[in-house]
Amino acid sequence: MTIQEAAQRSGLSAHTLRYYERIGLIHSVGRNGSGHRDYAEQDLRWLEFLTRLRSTGMPIADMCRYAQLRRMGEHTSDERREMLELHRERVRARIAELTQDLKVLDYKIDSYRELA
């Protein structure tokens, strides 16, 4: 599929896809006969995972390291798992912070309801 189709299906812009390729997050995107990028379904699955990492706050540098390890093969699986476990803990901590923030908002909303 073209970069425009991949952008539409992934929810990322063509600019972001090119950027991800330039910094090494996307590696070895195929090219069609005219030399244009030709994304495959496996590329979209990888993009979906990258999007999840990014939306949960993983820094781009960590994502690049993860992508590099992935390209290196199975012998890096322990390091990749450790990276994901560490990130999961950061996500859980952020969820706990947001839960506390939500409680404060709920309290404030309830206090306004009592005034009405």
PDB file of N, CA and C in Angstrom:
ATOM      1  N   MET A   1       0.844  -1.178   0.000  1.00  0.00           N
ATOM      2  CA  MET A   1       0.000   0.000   0.000  1.00  0.00           C
ATOM      3  C   MET A   1       0.884   1.234   0.000  1.00  0.00           C
ATOM      4  N   THR A   2       0.383   2.311  -0.511  1.00  0.00           N
ATOM      5  CA  THR A   2       1.152   3.553  -0.605  1.00  0.00           C
ATOM      6  C   THR A   2       1.298   4.191   0.764  1.00  0.00           C
ATOM      7  N   ILE A   3       2.156   5.191   0.840  1.00  0.00           N
ATOM      8  CA  ILE A   3       2.339   5.886   2.102  1.00  0.00           C
ATOM      9  C   ILE A   3       1.053   6.590   2.526  1.00  0.00           C
ATOM     10  N   GLN A   4       0.291   7.087   1.560  1.00  0.00           N
ATOM     11  CA  GLN A   4      -0.982   7.731   1.887  1.00  0.00           C
ATOM     12  C   GLN A   4      -1.972   6.727   2.465  1.00  0.00           C
ATOM     13  N   GLU A   5      -2.026   5.540   1.879  1.00  0.00           N
ATOM     14  CA  GLU A   5      -2.912   4.495   2.398  1.00  0.00           C
ATOM     15  C   GLU A   5      -2.463   4.044   3.789  1.00  0.00           C
ATOM     16  N   ALA A   6      -1.154   3.889   3.968  1.00  0.00           N
ATOM     17  CA  ALA A   6      -0.625   3.497   5.274  1.00  0.00           C
ATOM     18  C   ALA A   6      -0.916   4.574   6.311  1.00  0.00           C
ATOM     19  N   ALA A   7      -0.793   5.821   5.910  1.00  0.00           N
ATOM     20  CA  ALA A   7      -1.085   6.930   6.821  1.00  0.00           C
ATOM     21  C   ALA A   7      -2.552   6.901   7.229  1.00  0.00           C
ATOM     22  N   GLN A   8      -3.425   6.725   6.270  1.00  0.00           N
ATOM     23  CA  GLN A   8      -4.855   6.688   6.564  1.00  0.00           C
ATOM     24  C   GLN A   8      -5.197   5.524   7.484  1.00  0.00           C
ATOM     25  N   ARG A   9      -4.662   4.352   7.196  1.00  0.00           N
ATOM     26  CA  ARG A   9      -4.988   3.170   8.003  1.00  0.00           C
ATOM     27  C   ARG A   9      -4.357   3.202   9.384  1.00  0.00           C
ATOM     28  N   SER A  10      -3.188   3.821   9.503  1.00  0.00           N
ATOM     29  CA  SER A  10      -2.497   3.850  10.795  1.00  0.00           C
ATOM     30  C   SER A  10      -2.914   5.030  11.664  1.00  0.00           C
ATOM     31  N   GLY A  11      -3.503   6.047  11.034  1.00  0.00           N
ATOM     32  CA  GLY A  11      -3.848   7.250  11.779  1.00  0.00           C
ATOM     33  C   GLY A  11      -2.674   8.201  11.952  1.00  0.00           C
ATOM     34  N   LEU A  12      -1.562   7.872  11.349  1.00  0.00           N
ATOM     35  CA  LEU A  12      -0.388   8.739  11.387  1.00  0.00           C
ATOM     36  C   LEU A  12      -0.287   9.490  10.072  1.00  0.00           C
ATOM     37  N   SER A  13       0.365  10.629  10.085  1.00  0.00           N
ATOM     38  CA  SER A  13       0.524  11.384   8.842  1.00  0.00           C
ATOM     39  C   SER A  13       1.652  10.788   8.007  1.00  0.00           C
ATOM     40  N   ALA A  14       1.638  11.074   6.720  1.00  0.00           N
ATOM     41  CA  ALA A  14       2.724  10.629   5.846  1.00  0.00           C
ATOM     42  C   ALA A  14       4.041  11.228   6.332  1.00  0.00           C
ATOM     43  N   HIS A  15       3.996  12.460   6.818  1.00  0.00           N
ATOM     44  CA  HIS A  15       5.191  13.107   7.359  1.00  0.00           C
ATOM     45  C   HIS A  15       5.744  12.297   8.537  1.00  0.00           C
ATOM     46  N   THR A  16       4.858  11.865   9.437  1.00  0.00           N
ATOM     47  CA  THR A  16       5.290  11.073  10.596  1.00  0.00           C
ATOM     48  C   THR A  16       5.878   9.748  10.146  1.00  0.00           C
ATOM     49  N   LEU A  17       5.271   9.106   9.162  1.00  0.00           N
ATOM     50  CA  LEU A  17       5.804   7.841   8.654  1.00  0.00           C
ATOM     51  C   LEU A  17       7.213   8.027   8.092  1.00  0.00           C
ATOM     52  N   ARG A  18       7.411   9.097   7.340  1.00  0.00           N
ATOM     53  CA  ARG A  18       8.747   9.372   6.801  1.00  0.00           C
ATOM     54  C   ARG A  18       9.732   9.655   7.935  1.00  0.00           C
ATOM     55  N   TYR A  19       9.296  10.415   8.934  1.00  0.00           N
ATOM     56  CA  TYR A  19      10.131  10.716  10.094  1.00  0.00           C
ATOM     57  C   TYR A  19      10.503   9.428  10.825  1.00  0.00           C
ATOM     58  N   TYR A  20       9.522   8.571  11.085  1.00  0.00           N
ATOM     59  CA  TYR A  20       9.792   7.302  11.757  1.00  0.00           C
ATOM     60  C   TYR A  20      10.800   6.473  10.963  1.00  0.00           C
ATOM     61  N   GLU A  21      10.696   6.497   9.657  1.00  0.00           N
ATOM     62  CA  GLU A  21      11.644   5.761   8.822  1.00  0.00           C
ATOM     63  C   GLU A  21      13.038   6.395   8.930  1.00  0.00           C
ATOM     64  N   ARG A  22      13.088   7.711   8.895  1.00  0.00           N
ATOM     65  CA  ARG A  22      14.370   8.423   8.948  1.00  0.00           C
ATOM     66  C   ARG A  22      15.121   8.163  10.258  1.00  0.00           C
ATOM     67  N   ILE A  23      14.393   8.081  11.381  1.00  0.00           N
ATOM     68  CA  ILE A  23      15.061   7.894  12.676  1.00  0.00           C
ATOM     69  C   ILE A  23      15.224   6.418  13.045  1.00  0.00           C
ATOM     70  N   GLY A  24      14.741   5.517  12.197  1.00  0.00           N
ATOM     71  CA  GLY A  24      14.972   4.097  12.408  1.00  0.00           C
ATOM     72  C   GLY A  24      13.870   3.340  13.120  1.00  0.00           C
ATOM     73  N   LEU A  25      12.727   3.984  13.354  1.00  0.00           N
ATOM     74  CA  LEU A  25      11.614   3.255  13.970  1.00  0.00           C
ATOM     75  C   LEU A  25      10.979   2.288  12.982  1.00  0.00           C
ATOM     76  N   ILE A  26      10.915   2.697  11.741  1.00  0.00           N
ATOM     77  CA  ILE A  26      10.419   1.834  10.663  1.00  0.00           C
ATOM     78  C   ILE A  26      11.640   1.479   9.833  1.00  0.00           C
ATOM     79  N   HIS A  27      11.813   0.223   9.598  1.00  0.00           N
ATOM     80  CA  HIS A  27      12.996  -0.238   8.885  1.00  0.00           C
ATOM     81  C   HIS A  27      12.579  -1.094   7.704  1.00  0.00           C
ATOM     82  N   SER A  28      13.229  -0.911   6.619  1.00  0.00           N
ATOM     83  CA  SER A  28      13.063  -1.772   5.445  1.00  0.00           C
ATOM     84  C   SER A  28      11.652  -1.768   4.872  1.00  0.00           C
ATOM     85  N   VAL A  29      11.056  -0.592   4.744  1.00  0.00           N
ATOM     86  CA  VAL A  29       9.779  -0.527   4.030  1.00  0.00           C
ATOM     87  C   VAL A  29      10.075  -0.844   2.576  1.00  0.00           C
ATOM     88  N   GLY A  30       9.291  -1.763   2.018  1.00  0.00           N
ATOM     89  CA  GLY A  30       9.515  -2.152   0.633  1.00  0.00           C
ATOM     90  C   GLY A  30       9.267  -0.996  -0.328  1.00  0.00           C
ATOM     91  N   ARG A  31       9.742  -1.155  -1.521  1.00  0.00           N
ATOM     92  CA  ARG A  31       9.529  -0.169  -2.590  1.00  0.00           C
ATOM     93  C   ARG A  31       8.875  -0.875  -3.773  1.00  0.00           C
ATOM     94  N   ASN A  32       7.965  -0.148  -4.414  1.00  0.00           N
ATOM     95  CA  ASN A  32       7.317  -0.726  -5.594  1.00  0.00           C
ATOM     96  C   ASN A  32       8.189  -0.492  -6.832  1.00  0.00           C
ATOM     97  N   GLY A  33       7.691  -0.879  -7.976  1.00  0.00           N
ATOM     98  CA  GLY A  33       8.454  -0.769  -9.217  1.00  0.00           C
ATOM     99  C   GLY A  33       8.899   0.635  -9.558  1.00  0.00           C
ATOM    100  N   SER A  34       8.134   1.641  -9.124  1.00  0.00           N
ATOM    101  CA  SER A  34       8.503   3.022  -9.406  1.00  0.00           C
ATOM    102  C   SER A  34       9.314   3.648  -8.277  1.00  0.00           C
ATOM    103  N   GLY A  35       9.674   2.838  -7.280  1.00  0.00           N
ATOM    104  CA  GLY A  35      10.519   3.336  -6.200  1.00  0.00           C
ATOM    105  C   GLY A  35       9.780   3.958  -5.029  1.00  0.00           C
ATOM    106  N   HIS A  36       8.452   3.952  -5.070  1.00  0.00           N
ATOM    107  CA  HIS A  36       7.680   4.511  -3.964  1.00  0.00           C
ATOM    108  C   HIS A  36       7.549   3.483  -2.833  1.00  0.00           C
ATOM    109  N   ARG A  37       7.410   3.999  -1.621  1.00  0.00           N
ATOM    110  CA  ARG A  37       7.239   3.106  -0.466  1.00  0.00           C
ATOM    111  C   ARG A  37       6.017   2.204  -0.688  1.00  0.00           C
ATOM    112  N   ASP A  38       6.160   0.958  -0.275  1.00  0.00           N
ATOM    113  CA  ASP A  38       5.093  -0.028  -0.438  1.00  0.00           C
ATOM    114  C   ASP A  38       4.916  -0.744   0.901  1.00  0.00           C
ATOM    115  N   TYR A  39       4.005  -0.232   1.718  1.00  0.00           N
ATOM    116  CA  TYR A  39       3.790  -0.766   3.064  1.00  0.00           C
ATOM    117  C   TYR A  39       3.008  -2.069   3.006  1.00  0.00           C
ATOM    118  N   ALA A  40       3.365  -2.988   3.907  1.00  0.00           N
ATOM    119  CA  ALA A  40       2.699  -4.286   4.024  1.00  0.00           C
ATOM    120  C   ALA A  40       1.902  -4.305   5.327  1.00  0.00           C
ATOM    121  N   GLU A  41       1.056  -5.314   5.470  1.00  0.00           N
ATOM    122  CA  GLU A  41       0.252  -5.454   6.691  1.00  0.00           C
ATOM    123  C   GLU A  41       1.129  -5.541   7.937  1.00  0.00           C
ATOM    124  N   GLN A  42       2.273  -6.218   7.835  1.00  0.00           N
ATOM    125  CA  GLN A  42       3.160  -6.320   8.989  1.00  0.00           C
ATOM    126  C   GLN A  42       3.702  -4.948   9.389  1.00  0.00           C
ATOM    127  N   ASP A  43       3.889  -4.066   8.423  1.00  0.00           N
ATOM    128  CA  ASP A  43       4.311  -2.699   8.735  1.00  0.00           C
ATOM    129  C   ASP A  43       3.230  -1.988   9.545  1.00  0.00           C
ATOM    130  N   LEU A  44       1.968  -2.210   9.167  1.00  0.00           N
ATOM    131  CA  LEU A  44       0.860  -1.570   9.893  1.00  0.00           C
ATOM    132  C   LEU A  44       0.750  -2.105  11.320  1.00  0.00           C
ATOM    133  N   ARG A  45       0.980  -3.394  11.490  1.00  0.00           N
ATOM    134  CA  ARG A  45       0.952  -3.952  12.853  1.00  0.00           C
ATOM    135  C   ARG A  45       2.056  -3.334  13.703  1.00  0.00           C
ATOM    136  N   TRP A  46       3.240  -3.163  13.127  1.00  0.00           N
ATOM    137  CA  TRP A  46       4.354  -2.529  13.832  1.00  0.00           C
ATOM    138  C   TRP A  46       4.015  -1.063  14.148  1.00  0.00           C
ATOM    139  N   LEU A  47       3.424  -0.366  13.196  1.00  0.00           N
ATOM    140  CA  LEU A  47       3.027   1.027  13.419  1.00  0.00           C
ATOM    141  C   LEU A  47       1.989   1.134  14.540  1.00  0.00           C
ATOM    142  N   GLU A  48       1.076   0.186  14.600  1.00  0.00           N
ATOM    143  CA  GLU A  48       0.076   0.190  15.668  1.00  0.00           C
ATOM    144  C   GLU A  48       0.758   0.040  17.030  1.00  0.00           C
ATOM    145  N   PHE A  49       1.742  -0.847  17.108  1.00  0.00           N
ATOM    146  CA  PHE A  49       2.475  -1.034  18.363  1.00  0.00           C
ATOM    147  C   PHE A  49       3.246   0.235  18.722  1.00  0.00           C
ATOM    148  N   LEU A  50       3.916   0.823  17.740  1.00  0.00           N
ATOM    149  CA  LEU A  50       4.650   2.066  17.986  1.00  0.00           C
ATOM    150  C   LEU A  50       3.712   3.168  18.480  1.00  0.00           C
ATOM    151  N   THR A  51       2.528   3.229  17.891  1.00  0.00           N
ATOM    152  CA  THR A  51       1.544   4.235  18.298  1.00  0.00           C
ATOM    153  C   THR A  51       1.133   4.022  19.742  1.00  0.00           C
ATOM    154  N   ARG A  52       0.984   2.774  20.151  1.00  0.00           N
ATOM    155  CA  ARG A  52       0.637   2.466  21.551  1.00  0.00           C
ATOM    156  C   ARG A  52       1.766   2.892  22.486  1.00  0.00           C
ATOM    157  N   LEU A  53       2.992   2.589  22.087  1.00  0.00           N
ATOM    158  CA  LEU A  53       4.120   3.004  22.920  1.00  0.00           C
ATOM    159  C   LEU A  53       4.147   4.524  23.063  1.00  0.00           C
ATOM    160  N   ARG A  54       3.965   5.214  21.965  1.00  0.00           N
ATOM    161  CA  ARG A  54       4.019   6.676  21.983  1.00  0.00           C
ATOM    162  C   ARG A  54       2.861   7.251  22.793  1.00  0.00           C
ATOM    163  N   SER A  55       1.659   6.719  22.611  1.00  0.00           N
ATOM    164  CA  SER A  55       0.493   7.272  23.313  1.00  0.00           C
ATOM    165  C   SER A  55       0.560   7.006  24.811  1.00  0.00           C
ATOM    166  N   THR A  56       1.351   6.016  25.219  1.00  0.00           N
ATOM    167  CA  THR A  56       1.519   5.755  26.649  1.00  0.00           C
ATOM    168  C   THR A  56       2.753   6.453  27.200  1.00  0.00           C
ATOM    169  N   GLY A  57       3.364   7.312  26.387  1.00  0.00           N
ATOM    170  CA  GLY A  57       4.428   8.171  26.888  1.00  0.00           C
ATOM    171  C   GLY A  57       5.843   7.660  26.749  1.00  0.00           C
ATOM    172  N   MET A  58       6.062   6.604  25.983  1.00  0.00           N
ATOM    173  CA  MET A  58       7.444   6.146  25.811  1.00  0.00           C
ATOM    174  C   MET A  58       8.208   7.181  24.994  1.00  0.00           C
ATOM    175  N   PRO A  59       9.370   7.590  25.472  1.00  0.00           N
ATOM    176  CA  PRO A  59      10.176   8.553  24.708  1.00  0.00           C
ATOM    177  C   PRO A  59      10.616   7.959  23.365  1.00  0.00           C
ATOM    178  N   ILE A  60      10.751   8.816  22.377  1.00  0.00           N
ATOM    179  CA  ILE A  60      11.172   8.389  21.039  1.00  0.00           C
ATOM    180  C   ILE A  60      12.512   7.646  21.113  1.00  0.00           C
ATOM    181  N   ALA A  61      13.432   8.120  21.939  1.00  0.00           N
ATOM    182  CA  ALA A  61      14.740   7.462  22.043  1.00  0.00           C
ATOM    183  C   ALA A  61      14.585   6.019  22.509  1.00  0.00           C
ATOM    184  N   ASP A  62      13.692   5.777  23.471  1.00  0.00           N
ATOM    185  CA  ASP A  62      13.454   4.410  23.934  1.00  0.00           C
ATOM    186  C   ASP A  62      12.796   3.572  22.845  1.00  0.00           C
ATOM    187  N   MET A  63      11.881   4.195  22.101  1.00  0.00           N
ATOM    188  CA  MET A  63      11.243   3.475  20.998  1.00  0.00           C
ATOM    189  C   MET A  63      12.288   3.081  19.954  1.00  0.00           C
ATOM    190  N   CYS A  64      13.226   3.987  19.671  1.00  0.00           N
ATOM    191  CA  CYS A  64      14.282   3.685  18.706  1.00  0.00           C
ATOM    192  C   CYS A  64      15.154   2.539  19.200  1.00  0.00           C
ATOM    193  N   ARG A  65      15.473   2.549  20.480  1.00  0.00           N
ATOM    194  CA  ARG A  65      16.275   1.464  21.052  1.00  0.00           C
ATOM    195  C   ARG A  65      15.530   0.140  20.936  1.00  0.00           C
ATOM    196  N   TYR A  66      14.235   0.157  21.256  1.00  0.00           N
ATOM    197  CA  TYR A  66      13.421  -1.049  21.146  1.00  0.00           C
ATOM    198  C   TYR A  66      13.425  -1.557  19.697  1.00  0.00           C
ATOM    199  N   ALA A  67      13.233  -0.645  18.743  1.00  0.00           N
ATOM    200  CA  ALA A  67      13.210  -1.025  17.325  1.00  0.00           C
ATOM    201  C   ALA A  67      14.560  -1.609  16.902  1.00  0.00           C
ATOM    202  N   GLN A  68      15.626  -1.014  17.388  1.00  0.00           N
ATOM    203  CA  GLN A  68      16.964  -1.519  17.073  1.00  0.00           C
ATOM    204  C   GLN A  68      17.139  -2.934  17.612  1.00  0.00           C
ATOM    205  N   LEU A  69      16.735  -3.145  18.854  1.00  0.00           N
ATOM    206  CA  LEU A  69      16.839  -4.474  19.452  1.00  0.00           C
ATOM    207  C   LEU A  69      16.005  -5.494  18.682  1.00  0.00           C
ATOM    208  N   ARG A  70      14.813  -5.078  18.271  1.00  0.00           N
ATOM    209  CA  ARG A  70      13.924  -5.965  17.509  1.00  0.00           C
ATOM    210  C   ARG A  70      14.593  -6.417  16.218  1.00  0.00           C
ATOM    211  N   ARG A  71      15.251  -5.482  15.549  1.00  0.00           N
ATOM    212  CA  ARG A  71      15.935  -5.816  14.295  1.00  0.00           C
ATOM    213  C   ARG A  71      17.113  -6.769  14.525  1.00  0.00           C
ATOM    214  N   MET A  72      17.678  -6.729  15.725  1.00  0.00           N
ATOM    215  CA  MET A  72      18.843  -7.567  16.040  1.00  0.00           C
ATOM    216  C   MET A  72      18.461  -9.031  16.238  1.00  0.00           C
ATOM    217  N   GLY A  73      17.179  -9.295  16.501  1.00  0.00           N
ATOM    218  CA  GLY A  73      16.735 -10.676  16.563  1.00  0.00           C
ATOM    219  C   GLY A  73      16.350 -11.170  17.939  1.00  0.00           C
ATOM    220  N   GLU A  74      16.031 -12.451  17.977  1.00  0.00           N
ATOM    221  CA  GLU A  74      15.494 -13.102  19.176  1.00  0.00           C
ATOM    222  C   GLU A  74      16.398 -13.009  20.392  1.00  0.00           C
ATOM    223  N   HIS A  75      17.700 -12.966  20.190  1.00  0.00           N
ATOM    224  CA  HIS A  75      18.597 -12.950  21.349  1.00  0.00           C
ATOM    225  C   HIS A  75      18.458 -11.666  22.180  1.00  0.00           C
ATOM    226  N   THR A  76      17.699 -10.701  21.685  1.00  0.00           N
ATOM    227  CA  THR A  76      17.462  -9.458  22.435  1.00  0.00           C
ATOM    228  C   THR A  76      16.119  -9.462  23.150  1.00  0.00           C
ATOM    229  N   SER A  77      15.435 -10.588  23.137  1.00  0.00           N
ATOM    230  CA  SER A  77      14.073 -10.616  23.691  1.00  0.00           C
ATOM    231  C   SER A  77      14.045 -10.285  25.181  1.00  0.00           C
ATOM    232  N   ASP A  78      15.043 -10.692  25.940  1.00  0.00           N
ATOM    233  CA  ASP A  78      15.061 -10.365  27.371  1.00  0.00           C
ATOM    234  C   ASP A  78      15.163  -8.865  27.592  1.00  0.00           C
ATOM    235  N   GLU A  79      16.024  -8.220  26.836  1.00  0.00           N
ATOM    236  CA  GLU A  79      16.177  -6.765  26.988  1.00  0.00           C
ATOM    237  C   GLU A  79      14.904  -6.033  26.552  1.00  0.00           C
ATOM    238  N   ARG A  80      14.292  -6.508  25.488  1.00  0.00           N
ATOM    239  CA  ARG A  80      13.039  -5.888  25.037  1.00  0.00           C
ATOM    240  C   ARG A  80      11.943  -6.069  26.080  1.00  0.00           C
ATOM    241  N   ARG A  81      11.849  -7.267  26.662  1.00  0.00           N
ATOM    242  CA  ARG A  81      10.856  -7.507  27.710  1.00  0.00           C
ATOM    243  C   ARG A  81      11.111  -6.588  28.892  1.00  0.00           C
ATOM    244  N   GLU A  82      12.364  -6.438  29.295  1.00  0.00           N
ATOM    245  CA  GLU A  82      12.700  -5.555  30.413  1.00  0.00           C
ATOM    246  C   GLU A  82      12.316  -4.109  30.112  1.00  0.00           C
ATOM    247  N   MET A  83      12.543  -3.677  28.883  1.00  0.00           N
ATOM    248  CA  MET A  83      12.143  -2.323  28.499  1.00  0.00           C
ATOM    249  C   MET A  83      10.637  -2.140  28.634  1.00  0.00           C
ATOM    250  N   LEU A  84       9.897  -3.139  28.164  1.00  0.00           N
ATOM    251  CA  LEU A  84       8.436  -3.052  28.221  1.00  0.00           C
ATOM    252  C   LEU A  84       7.934  -3.129  29.658  1.00  0.00           C
ATOM    253  N   GLU A  85       8.575  -3.939  30.484  1.00  0.00           N
ATOM    254  CA  GLU A  85       8.173  -4.020  31.887  1.00  0.00           C
ATOM    255  C   GLU A  85       8.406  -2.682  32.599  1.00  0.00           C
ATOM    256  N   LEU A  86       9.535  -2.055  32.332  1.00  0.00           N
ATOM    257  CA  LEU A  86       9.819  -0.745  32.918  1.00  0.00           C
ATOM    258  C   LEU A  86       8.809   0.288  32.440  1.00  0.00           C
ATOM    259  N   HIS A  87       8.520   0.253  31.161  1.00  0.00           N
ATOM    260  CA  HIS A  87       7.534   1.195  30.614  1.00  0.00           C
ATOM    261  C   HIS A  87       6.155   0.946  31.218  1.00  0.00           C
ATOM    262  N   ARG A  88       5.796  -0.324  31.377  1.00  0.00           N
ATOM    263  CA  ARG A  88       4.508  -0.658  31.986  1.00  0.00           C
ATOM    264  C   ARG A  88       4.409  -0.056  33.390  1.00  0.00           C
ATOM    265  N   GLU A  89       5.479  -0.107  34.145  1.00  0.00           N
ATOM    266  CA  GLU A  89       5.465   0.476  35.490  1.00  0.00           C
ATOM    267  C   GLU A  89       5.272   1.987  35.435  1.00  0.00           C
ATOM    268  N   ARG A  90       5.892   2.637  34.452  1.00  0.00           N
ATOM    269  CA  ARG A  90       5.689   4.092  34.294  1.00  0.00           C
ATOM    270  C   ARG A  90       4.245   4.388  33.912  1.00  0.00           C
ATOM    271  N   VAL A  91       3.669   3.554  33.053  1.00  0.00           N
ATOM    272  CA  VAL A  91       2.273   3.738  32.656  1.00  0.00           C
ATOM    273  C   VAL A  91       1.359   3.546  33.865  1.00  0.00           C
ATOM    274  N   ARG A  92       1.611   2.523  34.648  1.00  0.00           N
ATOM    275  CA  ARG A  92       0.798   2.293  35.845  1.00  0.00           C
ATOM    276  C   ARG A  92       0.904   3.467  36.820  1.00  0.00           C
ATOM    277  N   ALA A  93       2.098   4.001  36.976  1.00  0.00           N
ATOM    278  CA  ALA A  93       2.274   5.159  37.868  1.00  0.00           C
ATOM    279  C   ALA A  93       1.493   6.350  37.336  1.00  0.00           C
ATOM    280  N   ARG A  94       1.514   6.546  36.024  1.00  0.00           N
ATOM    281  CA  ARG A  94       0.770   7.665  35.426  1.00  0.00           C
ATOM    282  C   ARG A  94      -0.734   7.468  35.596  1.00  0.00           C
ATOM    283  N   ILE A  95      -1.195   6.237  35.444  1.00  0.00           N
ATOM    284  CA  ILE A  95      -2.620   5.946  35.652  1.00  0.00           C
ATOM    285  C   ILE A  95      -3.000   6.255  37.099  1.00  0.00           C
ATOM    286  N   ALA A  96      -2.147   5.910  38.047  1.00  0.00           N
ATOM    287  CA  ALA A  96      -2.427   6.202  39.458  1.00  0.00           C
ATOM    288  C   ALA A  96      -2.505   7.715  39.686  1.00  0.00           C
ATOM    289  N   GLU A  97      -1.610   8.469  39.059  1.00  0.00           N
ATOM    290  CA  GLU A  97      -1.660   9.934  39.160  1.00  0.00           C
ATOM    291  C   GLU A  97      -2.963  10.472  38.581  1.00  0.00           C
ATOM    292  N   LEU A  98      -3.322   9.980  37.409  1.00  0.00           N
ATOM    293  CA  LEU A  98      -4.553  10.433  36.766  1.00  0.00           C
ATOM    294  C   LEU A  98      -5.777  10.066  37.584  1.00  0.00           C
ATOM    295  N   THR A  99      -5.746   8.908  38.222  1.00  0.00           N
ATOM    296  CA  THR A  99      -6.862   8.497  39.076  1.00  0.00           C
ATOM    297  C   THR A  99      -7.027   9.482  40.229  1.00  0.00           C
ATOM    298  N   GLN A 100      -5.928   9.896  40.825  1.00  0.00           N
ATOM    299  CA  GLN A 100      -5.998  10.889  41.903  1.00  0.00           C
ATOM    300  C   GLN A 100      -6.499  12.235  41.374  1.00  0.00           C
ATOM    301  N   ASP A 101      -6.036  12.627  40.195  1.00  0.00           N
ATOM    302  CA  ASP A 101      -6.506  13.873  39.579  1.00  0.00           C
ATOM    303  C   ASP A 101      -8.007  13.817  39.332  1.00  0.00           C
ATOM    304  N   LEU A 102      -8.487  12.671  38.877  1.00  0.00           N
ATOM    305  CA  LEU A 102      -9.908  12.493  38.615  1.00  0.00           C
ATOM    306  C   LEU A 102     -10.720  12.606  39.901  1.00  0.00           C
ATOM    307  N   LYS A 103     -10.212  12.070  40.980  1.00  0.00           N
ATOM    308  CA  LYS A 103     -10.902  12.183  42.268  1.00  0.00           C
ATOM    309  C   LYS A 103     -11.043  13.639  42.693  1.00  0.00           C
ATOM    310  N   VAL A 104     -10.005  14.426  42.469  1.00  0.00           N
ATOM    311  CA  VAL A 104     -10.073  15.853  42.801  1.00  0.00           C
ATOM    312  C   VAL A 104     -11.125  16.542  41.938  1.00  0.00           C
ATOM    313  N   LEU A 105     -11.139  16.228  40.651  1.00  0.00           N
ATOM    314  CA  LEU A 105     -12.147  16.811  39.761  1.00  0.00           C
ATOM    315  C   LEU A 105     -13.553  16.416  40.191  1.00  0.00           C
ATOM    316  N   ASP A 106     -13.748  15.141  40.507  1.00  0.00           N
ATOM    317  CA  ASP A 106     -15.060  14.677  40.960  1.00  0.00           C
ATOM    318  C   ASP A 106     -15.496  15.415  42.220  1.00  0.00           C
ATOM    319  N   TYR A 107     -14.572  15.588  43.149  1.00  0.00           N
ATOM    320  CA  TYR A 107     -14.876  16.303  44.385  1.00  0.00           C
ATOM    321  C   TYR A 107     -15.319  17.729  44.080  1.00  0.00           C
ATOM    322  N   LYS A 108     -14.577  18.391  43.206  1.00  0.00           N
ATOM    323  CA  LYS A 108     -14.894  19.782  42.875  1.00  0.00           C
ATOM    324  C   LYS A 108     -16.248  19.870  42.172  1.00  0.00           C
ATOM    325  N   ILE A 109     -16.516  18.962  41.247  1.00  0.00           N
ATOM    326  CA  ILE A 109     -17.811  18.946  40.554  1.00  0.00           C
ATOM    327  C   ILE A 109     -18.935  18.718  41.541  1.00  0.00           C
ATOM    328  N   ASP A 110     -18.747  17.766  42.449  1.00  0.00           N
ATOM    329  CA  ASP A 110     -19.768  17.503  43.465  1.00  0.00           C
ATOM    330  C   ASP A 110     -20.005  18.718  44.341  1.00  0.00           C
ATOM    331  N   SER A 111     -18.947  19.443  44.682  1.00  0.00           N
ATOM    332  CA  SER A 111     -19.118  20.633  45.519  1.00  0.00           C
ATOM    333  C   SER A 111     -19.920  21.697  44.779  1.00  0.00           C
ATOM    334  N   TYR A 112     -19.743  21.841  43.479  1.00  0.00           N
ATOM    335  CA  TYR A 112     -20.542  22.789  42.715  1.00  0.00           C
ATOM    336  C   TYR A 112     -22.005  22.343  42.636  1.00  0.00           C
ATOM    337  N   ARG A 113     -22.223  21.032  42.523  1.00  0.00           N
ATOM    338  CA  ARG A 113     -23.602  20.518  42.478  1.00  0.00           C
ATOM    339  C   ARG A 113     -24.332  20.839  43.801  1.00  0.00           C
ATOM    340  N   GLU A 114     -23.620  20.742  44.901  1.00  0.00           N
ATOM    341  CA  GLU A 114     -24.232  21.031  46.208  1.00  0.00           C
ATOM    342  C   GLU A 114     -24.604  22.505  46.335  1.00  0.00           C
ATOM    343  N   LEU A 115     -23.912  23.372  45.625  1.00  0.00           N
ATOM    344  CA  LEU A 115     -24.226  24.813  45.659  1.00  0.00           C
ATOM    345  C   LEU A 115     -25.499  25.127  44.875  1.00  0.00           C
ATOM    346  N   ALA A 116     -25.810  24.293  43.897  1.00  0.00           N
ATOM    347  CA  ALA A 116     -26.970  24.580  43.020  1.00  0.00           C
ATOM    348  C   ALA A 116     -28.285  24.241  43.662  1.00  0.00           C
TER     349      ALA A 116
END
